[in-house]
PDB file of N, CA and C in Angstrom:
ATOM      1  N   UNK A   1      23.772 181.395  45.664  1.00  0.00           N
ATOM      2  CA  UNK A   1      24.312 181.447  47.022  1.00  0.00           C
ATOM      3  C   UNK A   1      23.208 181.155  48.025  1.00  0.00           C
ATOM      4  N   UNK A   2      23.611 180.521  49.109  1.00  0.00           N
ATOM      5  CA  UNK A   2      22.642 180.169  50.143  1.00  0.00           C
ATOM      6  C   UNK A   2      22.411 181.359  51.058  1.00  0.00           C
ATOM      7  N   UNK A   3      21.181 181.528  51.461  1.00  0.00           N
ATOM      8  CA  UNK A   3      20.855 182.614  52.383  1.00  0.00           C
ATOM      9  C   UNK A   3      21.415 182.292  53.765  1.00  0.00           C
ATOM     10  N   UNK A   4      21.924 183.308  54.424  1.00  0.00           N
ATOM     11  CA  UNK A   4      22.431 183.136  55.773  1.00  0.00           C
ATOM     12  C   UNK A   4      21.465 183.795  56.736  1.00  0.00           C
ATOM     13  N   UNK A   5      21.309 183.188  57.897  1.00  0.00           N
ATOM     14  CA  UNK A   5      20.472 183.772  58.935  1.00  0.00           C
ATOM     15  C   UNK A   5      21.305 183.920  60.196  1.00  0.00           C
ATOM     16  N   UNK A   6      21.082 185.017  60.871  1.00  0.00           N
ATOM     17  CA  UNK A   6      21.711 185.238  62.164  1.00  0.00           C
ATOM     18  C   UNK A   6      20.604 185.181  63.200  1.00  0.00           C
ATOM     19  N   UNK A   7      20.765 184.280  64.158  1.00  0.00           N
ATOM     20  CA  UNK A   7      19.792 184.154  65.245  1.00  0.00           C
ATOM     21  C   UNK A   7      20.523 184.522  66.530  1.00  0.00           C
ATOM     22  N   UNK A   8      19.938 185.418  67.285  1.00  0.00           N
ATOM     23  CA  UNK A   8      20.566 185.887  68.518  1.00  0.00           C
ATOM     24  C   UNK A   8      19.695 185.569  69.718  1.00  0.00           C
ATOM     25  N   UNK A   9      20.310 185.035  70.760  1.00  0.00           N
ATOM     26  CA  UNK A   9      19.639 184.856  72.037  1.00  0.00           C
ATOM     27  C   UNK A   9      20.299 185.826  72.999  1.00  0.00           C
ATOM     28  N   UNK A  10      19.564 186.862  73.373  1.00  0.00           N
ATOM     29  CA  UNK A  10      20.135 187.884  74.248  1.00  0.00           C
ATOM     30  C   UNK A  10      19.084 188.359  75.242  1.00  0.00           C
ATOM     31  N   UNK A  11      19.501 188.501  76.467  1.00  0.00           N
ATOM     32  CA  UNK A  11      18.637 189.032  77.513  1.00  0.00           C
ATOM     33  C   UNK A  11      19.555 189.419  78.654  1.00  0.00           C
ATOM     34  N   UNK A  12      19.384 190.619  79.190  1.00  0.00           N
ATOM     35  CA  UNK A  12      20.259 191.066  80.273  1.00  0.00           C
ATOM     36  C   UNK A  12      20.059 190.231  81.538  1.00  0.00           C
ATOM     37  N   UNK A  13      18.844 189.738  81.733  1.00  0.00           N
ATOM     38  CA  UNK A  13      18.533 188.962  82.925  1.00  0.00           C
ATOM     39  C   UNK A  13      19.203 187.589  82.855  1.00  0.00           C
ATOM     40  N   UNK A  14      19.733 187.163  83.950  1.00  0.00           N
ATOM     41  CA  UNK A  14      20.340 185.835  84.000  1.00  0.00           C
ATOM     42  C   UNK A  14      19.280 184.773  84.275  1.00  0.00           C
ATOM     43  N   UNK A  15      19.636 183.537  83.981  1.00  0.00           N
ATOM     44  CA  UNK A  15      18.760 182.419  84.311  1.00  0.00           C
ATOM     45  C   UNK A  15      17.523 182.288  83.452  1.00  0.00           C
ATOM     46  N   UNK A  16      17.573 182.808  82.220  1.00  0.00           N
ATOM     47  CA  UNK A  16      16.394 182.704  81.341  1.00  0.00           C
ATOM     48  C   UNK A  16      16.642 181.718  80.186  1.00  0.00           C
ATOM     49  N   UNK A  17      17.623 180.857  80.341  1.00  0.00           N
ATOM     50  CA  UNK A  17      17.925 179.769  79.391  1.00  0.00           C
ATOM     51  C   UNK A  17      18.541 180.216  78.072  1.00  0.00           C
ATOM     52  N   UNK A  18      19.277 181.322  78.070  1.00  0.00           N
ATOM     53  CA  UNK A  18      19.958 181.745  76.843  1.00  0.00           C
ATOM     54  C   UNK A  18      20.988 180.716  76.413  1.00  0.00           C
ATOM     55  N   UNK A  19      21.839 180.293  77.327  1.00  0.00           N
ATOM     56  CA  UNK A  19      22.907 179.351  76.993  1.00  0.00           C
ATOM     57  C   UNK A  19      22.338 177.994  76.615  1.00  0.00           C
ATOM     58  N   UNK A  20      21.401 177.496  77.401  1.00  0.00           N
ATOM     59  CA  UNK A  20      20.795 176.188  77.122  1.00  0.00           C
ATOM     60  C   UNK A  20      20.092 176.200  75.772  1.00  0.00           C
ATOM     61  N   UNK A  21      19.349 177.262  75.493  1.00  0.00           N
ATOM     62  CA  UNK A  21      18.645 177.365  74.204  1.00  0.00           C
ATOM     63  C   UNK A  21      19.633 177.422  73.050  1.00  0.00           C
ATOM     64  N   UNK A  22      20.675 178.229  73.193  1.00  0.00           N
ATOM     65  CA  UNK A  22      21.670 178.380  72.134  1.00  0.00           C
ATOM     66  C   UNK A  22      22.361 177.044  71.856  1.00  0.00           C
ATOM     67  N   UNK A  23      22.786 176.351  72.905  1.00  0.00           N
ATOM     68  CA  UNK A  23      23.478 175.071  72.736  1.00  0.00           C
ATOM     69  C   UNK A  23      22.563 174.038  72.085  1.00  0.00           C
ATOM     70  N   UNK A  24      21.336 173.935  72.566  1.00  0.00           N
ATOM     71  CA  UNK A  24      20.410 172.921  72.071  1.00  0.00           C
ATOM     72  C   UNK A  24      19.972 173.193  70.639  1.00  0.00           C
ATOM     73  N   UNK A  25      19.547 174.410  70.380  1.00  0.00           N
ATOM     74  CA  UNK A  25      19.064 174.751  69.039  1.00  0.00           C
ATOM     75  C   UNK A  25      20.215 174.707  68.035  1.00  0.00           C
ATOM     76  N   UNK A  26      21.382 175.195  68.432  1.00  0.00           N
ATOM     77  CA  UNK A  26      22.546 175.136  67.547  1.00  0.00           C
ATOM     78  C   UNK A  26      22.918 173.704  67.193  1.00  0.00           C
ATOM     79  N   UNK A  27      22.959 172.832  68.193  1.00  0.00           N
ATOM     80  CA  UNK A  27      23.311 171.426  67.949  1.00  0.00           C
ATOM     81  C   UNK A  27      22.260 170.743  67.078  1.00  0.00           C
ATOM     82  N   UNK A  28      20.988 171.022  67.325  1.00  0.00           N
ATOM     83  CA  UNK A  28      19.910 170.422  66.521  1.00  0.00           C
ATOM     84  C   UNK A  28      19.975 170.889  65.069  1.00  0.00           C
ATOM     85  N   UNK A  29      20.229 172.170  64.866  1.00  0.00           N
ATOM     86  CA  UNK A  29      20.333 172.687  63.498  1.00  0.00           C
ATOM     87  C   UNK A  29      21.514 172.055  62.773  1.00  0.00           C
ATOM     88  N   UNK A  30      22.627 171.865  63.479  1.00  0.00           N
ATOM     89  CA  UNK A  30      23.803 171.227  62.878  1.00  0.00           C
ATOM     90  C   UNK A  30      23.491 169.780  62.498  1.00  0.00           C
ATOM     91  N   UNK A  31      22.740 169.075  63.358  1.00  0.00           N
ATOM     92  CA  UNK A  31      22.369 167.693  63.051  1.00  0.00           C
ATOM     93  C   UNK A  31      21.440 167.614  61.846  1.00  0.00           C
ATOM     94  N   UNK A  32      20.692 168.681  61.598  1.00  0.00           N
ATOM     95  CA  UNK A  32      19.792 168.736  60.438  1.00  0.00           C
ATOM     96  C   UNK A  32      20.530 169.153  59.159  1.00  0.00           C
ATOM     97  N   UNK A  33      21.849 169.355  59.268  1.00  0.00           N
ATOM     98  CA  UNK A  33      22.649 169.671  58.090  1.00  0.00           C
ATOM     99  C   UNK A  33      22.922 171.145  57.878  1.00  0.00           C
ATOM    100  N   UNK A  34      22.451 171.998  58.770  1.00  0.00           N
ATOM    101  CA  UNK A  34      22.732 173.430  58.660  1.00  0.00           C
ATOM    102  C   UNK A  34      24.128 173.704  59.209  1.00  0.00           C
ATOM    103  N   UNK A  35      24.858 174.602  58.573  1.00  0.00           N
ATOM    104  CA  UNK A  35      26.164 174.997  59.094  1.00  0.00           C
ATOM    105  C   UNK A  35      25.940 176.047  60.183  1.00  0.00           C
ATOM    106  N   UNK A  36      26.408 175.747  61.384  1.00  0.00           N
ATOM    107  CA  UNK A  36      26.142 176.588  62.550  1.00  0.00           C
ATOM    108  C   UNK A  36      27.459 177.076  63.152  1.00  0.00           C
ATOM    109  N   UNK A  37      27.536 178.385  63.351  1.00  0.00           N
ATOM    110  CA  UNK A  37      28.656 178.988  64.072  1.00  0.00           C
ATOM    111  C   UNK A  37      28.082 179.675  65.298  1.00  0.00           C
ATOM    112  N   UNK A  38      28.422 179.168  66.468  1.00  0.00           N
ATOM    113  CA  UNK A  38      27.995 179.778  67.718  1.00  0.00           C
ATOM    114  C   UNK A  38      29.043 180.819  68.106  1.00  0.00           C
ATOM    115  N   UNK A  39      28.601 181.991  68.542  1.00  0.00           N
ATOM    116  CA  UNK A  39      29.523 183.040  68.968  1.00  0.00           C
ATOM    117  C   UNK A  39      29.185 183.367  70.423  1.00  0.00           C
ATOM    118  N   UNK A  40      30.112 183.042  71.314  1.00  0.00           N
ATOM    119  CA  UNK A  40      29.895 183.246  72.747  1.00  0.00           C
ATOM    120  C   UNK A  40      30.497 184.594  73.145  1.00  0.00           C
ATOM    121  N   UNK A  41      29.627 185.529  73.516  1.00  0.00           N
ATOM    122  CA  UNK A  41      30.087 186.856  73.936  1.00  0.00           C
ATOM    123  C   UNK A  41      29.939 187.066  75.442  1.00  0.00           C
ATOM    124  N   UNK A  42      29.592 186.021  76.156  1.00  0.00           N
ATOM    125  CA  UNK A  42      29.324 186.146  77.586  1.00  0.00           C
ATOM    126  C   UNK A  42      30.618 186.027  78.397  1.00  0.00           C
ATOM    127  N   UNK A  43      30.753 186.879  79.384  1.00  0.00           N
ATOM    128  CA  UNK A  43      31.932 186.868  80.249  1.00  0.00           C
ATOM    129  C   UNK A  43      32.041 185.631  81.116  1.00  0.00           C
ATOM    130  N   UNK A  44      30.940 184.905  81.302  1.00  0.00           N
ATOM    131  CA  UNK A  44      31.012 183.669  82.088  1.00  0.00           C
ATOM    132  C   UNK A  44      31.436 182.481  81.230  1.00  0.00           C
ATOM    133  N   UNK A  45      31.356 182.622  79.915  1.00  0.00           N
ATOM    134  CA  UNK A  45      31.811 181.607  78.949  1.00  0.00           C
ATOM    135  C   UNK A  45      31.134 180.253  79.131  1.00  0.00           C
ATOM    136  N   UNK A  46      29.908 180.229  79.623  1.00  0.00           N
ATOM    137  CA  UNK A  46      29.238 178.951  79.854  1.00  0.00           C
ATOM    138  C   UNK A  46      28.970 178.171  78.571  1.00  0.00           C
ATOM    139  N   UNK A  47      28.610 178.855  77.491  1.00  0.00           N
ATOM    140  CA  UNK A  47      28.368 178.165  76.229  1.00  0.00           C
ATOM    141  C   UNK A  47      29.665 177.510  75.743  1.00  0.00           C
ATOM    142  N   UNK A  48      30.754 178.243  75.830  1.00  0.00           N
ATOM    143  CA  UNK A  48      32.060 177.707  75.437  1.00  0.00           C
ATOM    144  C   UNK A  48      32.411 176.484  76.269  1.00  0.00           C
ATOM    145  N   UNK A  49      32.249 176.587  77.580  1.00  0.00           N
ATOM    146  CA  UNK A  49      32.613 175.485  78.471  1.00  0.00           C
ATOM    147  C   UNK A  49      31.677 174.289  78.316  1.00  0.00           C
ATOM    148  N   UNK A  50      30.459 174.520  77.830  1.00  0.00           N
ATOM    149  CA  UNK A  50      29.531 173.426  77.564  1.00  0.00           C
ATOM    150  C   UNK A  50      30.090 172.536  76.455  1.00  0.00           C
ATOM    151  N   UNK A  51      30.610 173.168  75.395  1.00  0.00           N
ATOM    152  CA  UNK A  51      31.131 172.415  74.260  1.00  0.00           C
ATOM    153  C   UNK A  51      32.609 172.070  74.395  1.00  0.00           C
ATOM    154  N   UNK A  52      33.359 172.879  75.129  1.00  0.00           N
ATOM    155  CA  UNK A  52      34.800 172.646  75.316  1.00  0.00           C
ATOM    156  C   UNK A  52      35.080 172.704  76.824  1.00  0.00           C
ATOM    157  N   UNK A  53      34.772 171.623  77.545  1.00  0.00           N
ATOM    158  CA  UNK A  53      34.897 171.658  79.010  1.00  0.00           C
ATOM    159  C   UNK A  53      36.330 171.845  79.511  1.00  0.00           C
ATOM    160  N   UNK A  54      37.320 171.433  78.699  1.00  0.00           N
ATOM    161  CA  UNK A  54      38.715 171.586  79.100  1.00  0.00           C
ATOM    162  C   UNK A  54      39.228 172.951  78.632  1.00  0.00           C
ATOM    163  N   UNK A  55      39.316 173.890  79.561  1.00  0.00           N
ATOM    164  CA  UNK A  55      39.728 175.262  79.225  1.00  0.00           C
ATOM    165  C   UNK A  55      41.104 175.323  78.563  1.00  0.00           C
ATOM    166  N   UNK A  56      41.943 174.317  78.794  1.00  0.00           N
ATOM    167  CA  UNK A  56      43.284 174.300  78.207  1.00  0.00           C
ATOM    168  C   UNK A  56      43.245 174.185  76.682  1.00  0.00           C
ATOM    169  N   UNK A  57      42.103 173.711  76.137  1.00  0.00           N
ATOM    170  CA  UNK A  57      41.969 173.575  74.685  1.00  0.00           C
ATOM    171  C   UNK A  57      41.640 174.907  74.008  1.00  0.00           C
ATOM    172  N   UNK A  58      41.394 175.940  74.798  1.00  0.00           N
ATOM    173  CA  UNK A  58      41.020 177.246  74.247  1.00  0.00           C
ATOM    174  C   UNK A  58      42.240 178.159  74.302  1.00  0.00           C
ATOM    175  N   UNK A  59      42.921 178.275  73.142  1.00  0.00           N
ATOM    176  CA  UNK A  59      44.130 179.105  73.108  1.00  0.00           C
ATOM    177  C   UNK A  59      43.765 180.584  73.032  1.00  0.00           C
ATOM    178  N   UNK A  60      42.741 180.900  72.217  1.00  0.00           N
ATOM    179  CA  UNK A  60      42.324 182.289  72.052  1.00  0.00           C
ATOM    180  C   UNK A  60      40.804 182.351  72.095  1.00  0.00           C
ATOM    181  N   UNK A  61      40.309 183.522  72.473  1.00  0.00           N
ATOM    182  CA  UNK A  61      38.864 183.712  72.549  1.00  0.00           C
ATOM    183  C   UNK A  61      38.472 184.967  71.779  1.00  0.00           C
ATOM    184  N   UNK A  62      37.203 185.246  71.762  1.00  0.00           N
ATOM    185  CA  UNK A  62      36.702 186.449  71.093  1.00  0.00           C
ATOM    186  C   UNK A  62      37.280 187.708  71.745  1.00  0.00           C
ATOM    187  N   UNK A  63      37.659 187.612  72.999  1.00  0.00           N
ATOM    188  CA  UNK A  63      38.311 188.728  73.693  1.00  0.00           C
ATOM    189  C   UNK A  63      39.580 189.143  72.941  1.00  0.00           C
ATOM    190  N   UNK A  64      40.361 188.153  72.505  1.00  0.00           N
ATOM    191  CA  UNK A  64      41.604 188.451  71.775  1.00  0.00           C
ATOM    192  C   UNK A  64      41.308 189.165  70.459  1.00  0.00           C
ATOM    193  N   UNK A  65      40.200 188.806  69.828  1.00  0.00           N
ATOM    194  CA  UNK A  65      39.816 189.476  68.578  1.00  0.00           C
ATOM    195  C   UNK A  65      39.410 190.915  68.837  1.00  0.00           C
ATOM    196  N   UNK A  66      38.600 191.120  69.859  1.00  0.00           N
ATOM    197  CA  UNK A  66      38.113 192.470  70.165  1.00  0.00           C
ATOM    198  C   UNK A  66      39.232 193.393  70.622  1.00  0.00           C
ATOM    199  N   UNK A  67      40.075 192.903  71.505  1.00  0.00           N
ATOM    200  CA  UNK A  67      41.073 193.772  72.141  1.00  0.00           C
ATOM    201  C   UNK A  67      42.380 193.835  71.355  1.00  0.00           C
ATOM    202  N   UNK A  68      42.799 192.699  70.768  1.00  0.00           N
ATOM    203  CA  UNK A  68      44.100 192.659  70.100  1.00  0.00           C
ATOM    204  C   UNK A  68      43.993 192.591  68.574  1.00  0.00           C
ATOM    205  N   UNK A  69      42.777 192.527  68.059  1.00  0.00           N
ATOM    206  CA  UNK A  69      42.583 192.557  66.618  1.00  0.00           C
ATOM    207  C   UNK A  69      42.956 191.281  65.879  1.00  0.00           C
ATOM    208  N   UNK A  70      43.140 190.171  66.597  1.00  0.00           N
ATOM    209  CA  UNK A  70      43.452 188.909  65.907  1.00  0.00           C
ATOM    210  C   UNK A  70      42.183 188.374  65.247  1.00  0.00           C
ATOM    211  N   UNK A  71      42.324 187.544  64.208  1.00  0.00           N
ATOM    212  CA  UNK A  71      41.125 186.977  63.562  1.00  0.00           C
ATOM    213  C   UNK A  71      40.294 186.169  64.558  1.00  0.00           C
ATOM    214  N   UNK A  72      38.991 186.092  64.293  1.00  0.00           N
ATOM    215  CA  UNK A  72      38.116 185.320  65.187  1.00  0.00           C
ATOM    216  C   UNK A  72      38.600 183.881  65.274  1.00  0.00           C
ATOM    217  N   UNK A  73      38.801 183.383  66.486  1.00  0.00           N
ATOM    218  CA  UNK A  73      39.219 181.990  66.635  1.00  0.00           C
ATOM    219  C   UNK A  73      37.991 181.072  66.546  1.00  0.00           C
ATOM    220  N   UNK A  74      37.967 180.229  65.537  1.00  0.00           N
ATOM    221  CA  UNK A  74      36.837 179.321  65.344  1.00  0.00           C
ATOM    222  C   UNK A  74      37.285 177.917  65.717  1.00  0.00           C
ATOM    223  N   UNK A  75      36.594 177.317  66.683  1.00  0.00           N
ATOM    224  CA  UNK A  75      36.900 175.948  67.104  1.00  0.00           C
ATOM    225  C   UNK A  75      35.801 175.038  66.566  1.00  0.00           C
ATOM    226  N   UNK A  76      36.196 174.026  65.800  1.00  0.00           N
ATOM    227  CA  UNK A  76      35.214 173.080  65.273  1.00  0.00           C
ATOM    228  C   UNK A  76      34.858 172.074  66.364  1.00  0.00           C
ATOM    229  N   UNK A  77      33.575 171.887  66.567  1.00  0.00           N
ATOM    230  CA  UNK A  77      33.091 170.994  67.610  1.00  0.00           C
ATOM    231  C   UNK A  77      32.764 169.633  67.002  1.00  0.00           C
ATOM    232  N   UNK A  78      31.964 169.636  65.968  1.00  0.00           N
ATOM    233  CA  UNK A  78      31.634 168.432  65.203  1.00  0.00           C
ATOM    234  C   UNK A  78      31.089 168.871  63.856  1.00  0.00           C
ATOM    235  N   UNK A  79      30.676 167.921  63.038  1.00  0.00           N
ATOM    236  CA  UNK A  79      30.227 168.260  61.699  1.00  0.00           C
ATOM    237  C   UNK A  79      29.154 169.337  61.739  1.00  0.00           C
ATOM    238  N   UNK A  80      29.342 170.391  60.952  1.00  0.00           N
ATOM    239  CA  UNK A  80      28.417 171.525  60.817  1.00  0.00           C
ATOM    240  C   UNK A  80      28.325 172.418  62.056  1.00  0.00           C
ATOM    241  N   UNK A  81      29.122 172.164  63.077  1.00  0.00           N
ATOM    242  CA  UNK A  81      29.002 172.941  64.313  1.00  0.00           C
ATOM    243  C   UNK A  81      30.376 173.440  64.769  1.00  0.00           C
ATOM    244  N   UNK A  82      30.475 174.765  64.925  1.00  0.00           N
ATOM    245  CA  UNK A  82      31.720 175.385  65.394  1.00  0.00           C
ATOM    246  C   UNK A  82      31.348 176.498  66.370  1.00  0.00           C
ATOM    247  N   UNK A  83      32.338 176.942  67.119  1.00  0.00           N
ATOM    248  CA  UNK A  83      32.103 178.005  68.103  1.00  0.00           C
ATOM    249  C   UNK A  83      33.260 178.990  68.093  1.00  0.00           C
ATOM    250  N   UNK A  84      32.927 180.260  68.274  1.00  0.00           N
ATOM    251  CA  UNK A  84      33.925 181.278  68.579  1.00  0.00           C
ATOM    252  C   UNK A  84      33.879 181.388  70.105  1.00  0.00           C
ATOM    253  N   UNK A  85      34.902 180.864  70.788  1.00  0.00           N
ATOM    254  CA  UNK A  85      34.837 180.782  72.242  1.00  0.00           C
ATOM    255  C   UNK A  85      34.972 182.126  72.952  1.00  0.00           C
ATOM    256  N   UNK A  86      34.379 182.165  74.126  1.00  0.00           N
ATOM    257  CA  UNK A  86      34.540 183.304  75.019  1.00  0.00           C
ATOM    258  C   UNK A  86      35.537 182.903  76.093  1.00  0.00           C
ATOM    259  N   UNK A  87      35.795 183.817  77.002  1.00  0.00           N
ATOM    260  CA  UNK A  87      36.655 183.510  78.146  1.00  0.00           C
ATOM    261  C   UNK A  87      36.236 184.425  79.291  1.00  0.00           C
ATOM    262  N   UNK A  88      36.738 184.123  80.455  1.00  0.00           N
ATOM    263  CA  UNK A  88      36.415 184.954  81.618  1.00  0.00           C
ATOM    264  C   UNK A  88      36.947 186.377  81.439  1.00  0.00           C
ATOM    265  N   UNK A  89      37.918 186.546  80.524  1.00  0.00           N
ATOM    266  CA  UNK A  89      38.452 187.884  80.233  1.00  0.00           C
ATOM    267  C   UNK A  89      37.375 188.810  79.663  1.00  0.00           C
ATOM    268  N   UNK A  90      36.336 188.237  79.039  1.00  0.00           N
ATOM    269  CA  UNK A  90      35.285 189.062  78.436  1.00  0.00           C
ATOM    270  C   UNK A  90      34.613 189.958  79.462  1.00  0.00           C
ATOM    271  N   UNK A  91      34.623 189.540  80.706  1.00  0.00           N
ATOM    272  CA  UNK A  91      34.023 190.353  81.758  1.00  0.00           C
ATOM    273  C   UNK A  91      34.739 191.701  81.874  1.00  0.00           C
ATOM    274  N   UNK A  92      36.008 191.738  81.484  1.00  0.00           N
ATOM    275  CA  UNK A  92      36.775 192.986  81.569  1.00  0.00           C
ATOM    276  C   UNK A  92      36.960 193.643  80.200  1.00  0.00           C
ATOM    277  N   UNK A  93      36.258 193.157  79.184  1.00  0.00           N
ATOM    278  CA  UNK A  93      36.455 193.685  77.826  1.00  0.00           C
ATOM    279  C   UNK A  93      36.114 195.165  77.733  1.00  0.00           C
ATOM    280  N   UNK A  94      35.053 195.589  78.384  1.00  0.00           N
ATOM    281  CA  UNK A  94      34.659 196.998  78.297  1.00  0.00           C
ATOM    282  C   UNK A  94      35.758 197.906  78.832  1.00  0.00           C
ATOM    283  N   UNK A  95      36.377 197.491  79.911  1.00  0.00           N
ATOM    284  CA  UNK A  95      37.478 198.279  80.484  1.00  0.00           C
ATOM    285  C   UNK A  95      38.683 198.250  79.550  1.00  0.00           C
ATOM    286  N   UNK A  96      38.976 197.074  79.002  1.00  0.00           N
ATOM    287  CA  UNK A  96      40.131 196.936  78.107  1.00  0.00           C
ATOM    288  C   UNK A  96      39.960 197.770  76.838  1.00  0.00           C
ATOM    289  N   UNK A  97      38.711 198.002  76.423  1.00  0.00           N
ATOM    290  CA  UNK A  97      38.448 198.737  75.189  1.00  0.00           C
ATOM    291  C   UNK A  97      38.295 200.245  75.410  1.00  0.00           C
ATOM    292  N   UNK A  98      38.319 200.683  76.641  1.00  0.00           N
ATOM    293  CA  UNK A  98      38.024 202.071  76.978  1.00  0.00           C
ATOM    294  C   UNK A  98      38.808 203.081  76.157  1.00  0.00           C
ATOM    295  N   UNK A  99      40.087 202.855  75.947  1.00  0.00           N
ATOM    296  CA  UNK A  99      40.929 203.846  75.279  1.00  0.00           C
ATOM    297  C   UNK A  99      41.011 203.675  73.767  1.00  0.00           C
ATOM    298  N   UNK A 100      40.315 202.677  73.229  1.00  0.00           N
ATOM    299  CA  UNK A 100      40.401 202.446  71.791  1.00  0.00           C
ATOM    300  C   UNK A 100      39.443 203.377  71.033  1.00  0.00           C
ATOM    301  N   UNK A 101      39.905 203.869  69.898  1.00  0.00           N
ATOM    302  CA  UNK A 101      39.090 204.700  69.043  1.00  0.00           C
ATOM    303  C   UNK A 101      37.973 203.865  68.419  1.00  0.00           C
ATOM    304  N   UNK A 102      36.783 204.400  68.362  1.00  0.00           N
ATOM    305  CA  UNK A 102      35.612 203.729  67.770  1.00  0.00           C
ATOM    306  C   UNK A 102      35.322 202.385  68.436  1.00  0.00           C
ATOM    307  N   UNK A 103      35.513 202.303  69.736  1.00  0.00           N
ATOM    308  CA  UNK A 103      35.314 201.042  70.470  1.00  0.00           C
ATOM    309  C   UNK A 103      33.870 200.528  70.378  1.00  0.00           C
ATOM    310  N   UNK A 104      32.923 201.449  70.154  1.00  0.00           N
ATOM    311  CA  UNK A 104      31.515 201.047  70.078  1.00  0.00           C
ATOM    312  C   UNK A 104      31.294 200.107  68.895  1.00  0.00           C
ATOM    313  N   UNK A 105      32.036 200.312  67.819  1.00  0.00           N
ATOM    314  CA  UNK A 105      31.898 199.449  66.642  1.00  0.00           C
ATOM    315  C   UNK A 105      32.395 198.051  66.914  1.00  0.00           C
ATOM    316  N   UNK A 106      33.442 197.941  67.749  1.00  0.00           N
ATOM    317  CA  UNK A 106      33.955 196.616  68.108  1.00  0.00           C
ATOM    318  C   UNK A 106      32.905 195.853  68.876  1.00  0.00           C
TER     319      UNK A 106
END
């Protein structure tokens, strides 16, 4: 079996190139033949909109998985590159999850 690696770009501060780095490095790794799944957890959904500029193409987002328990929606972008899209709803995810049991695990 092939080893899997999880690489995370996270920083509370805005404007530090998290989205740009994620998009660029993810696309480069995919071009090198690595299978890449980008997971956008940001409420602004900029990474999602970078790869899928037409919001109408996004039927479900990670918000639906977190709040409604549906399977993660994976959108294929090109060979070796896919994304779990975010949406502007993610900004309200914490409020939507408030009453759920074990919400911290989600």
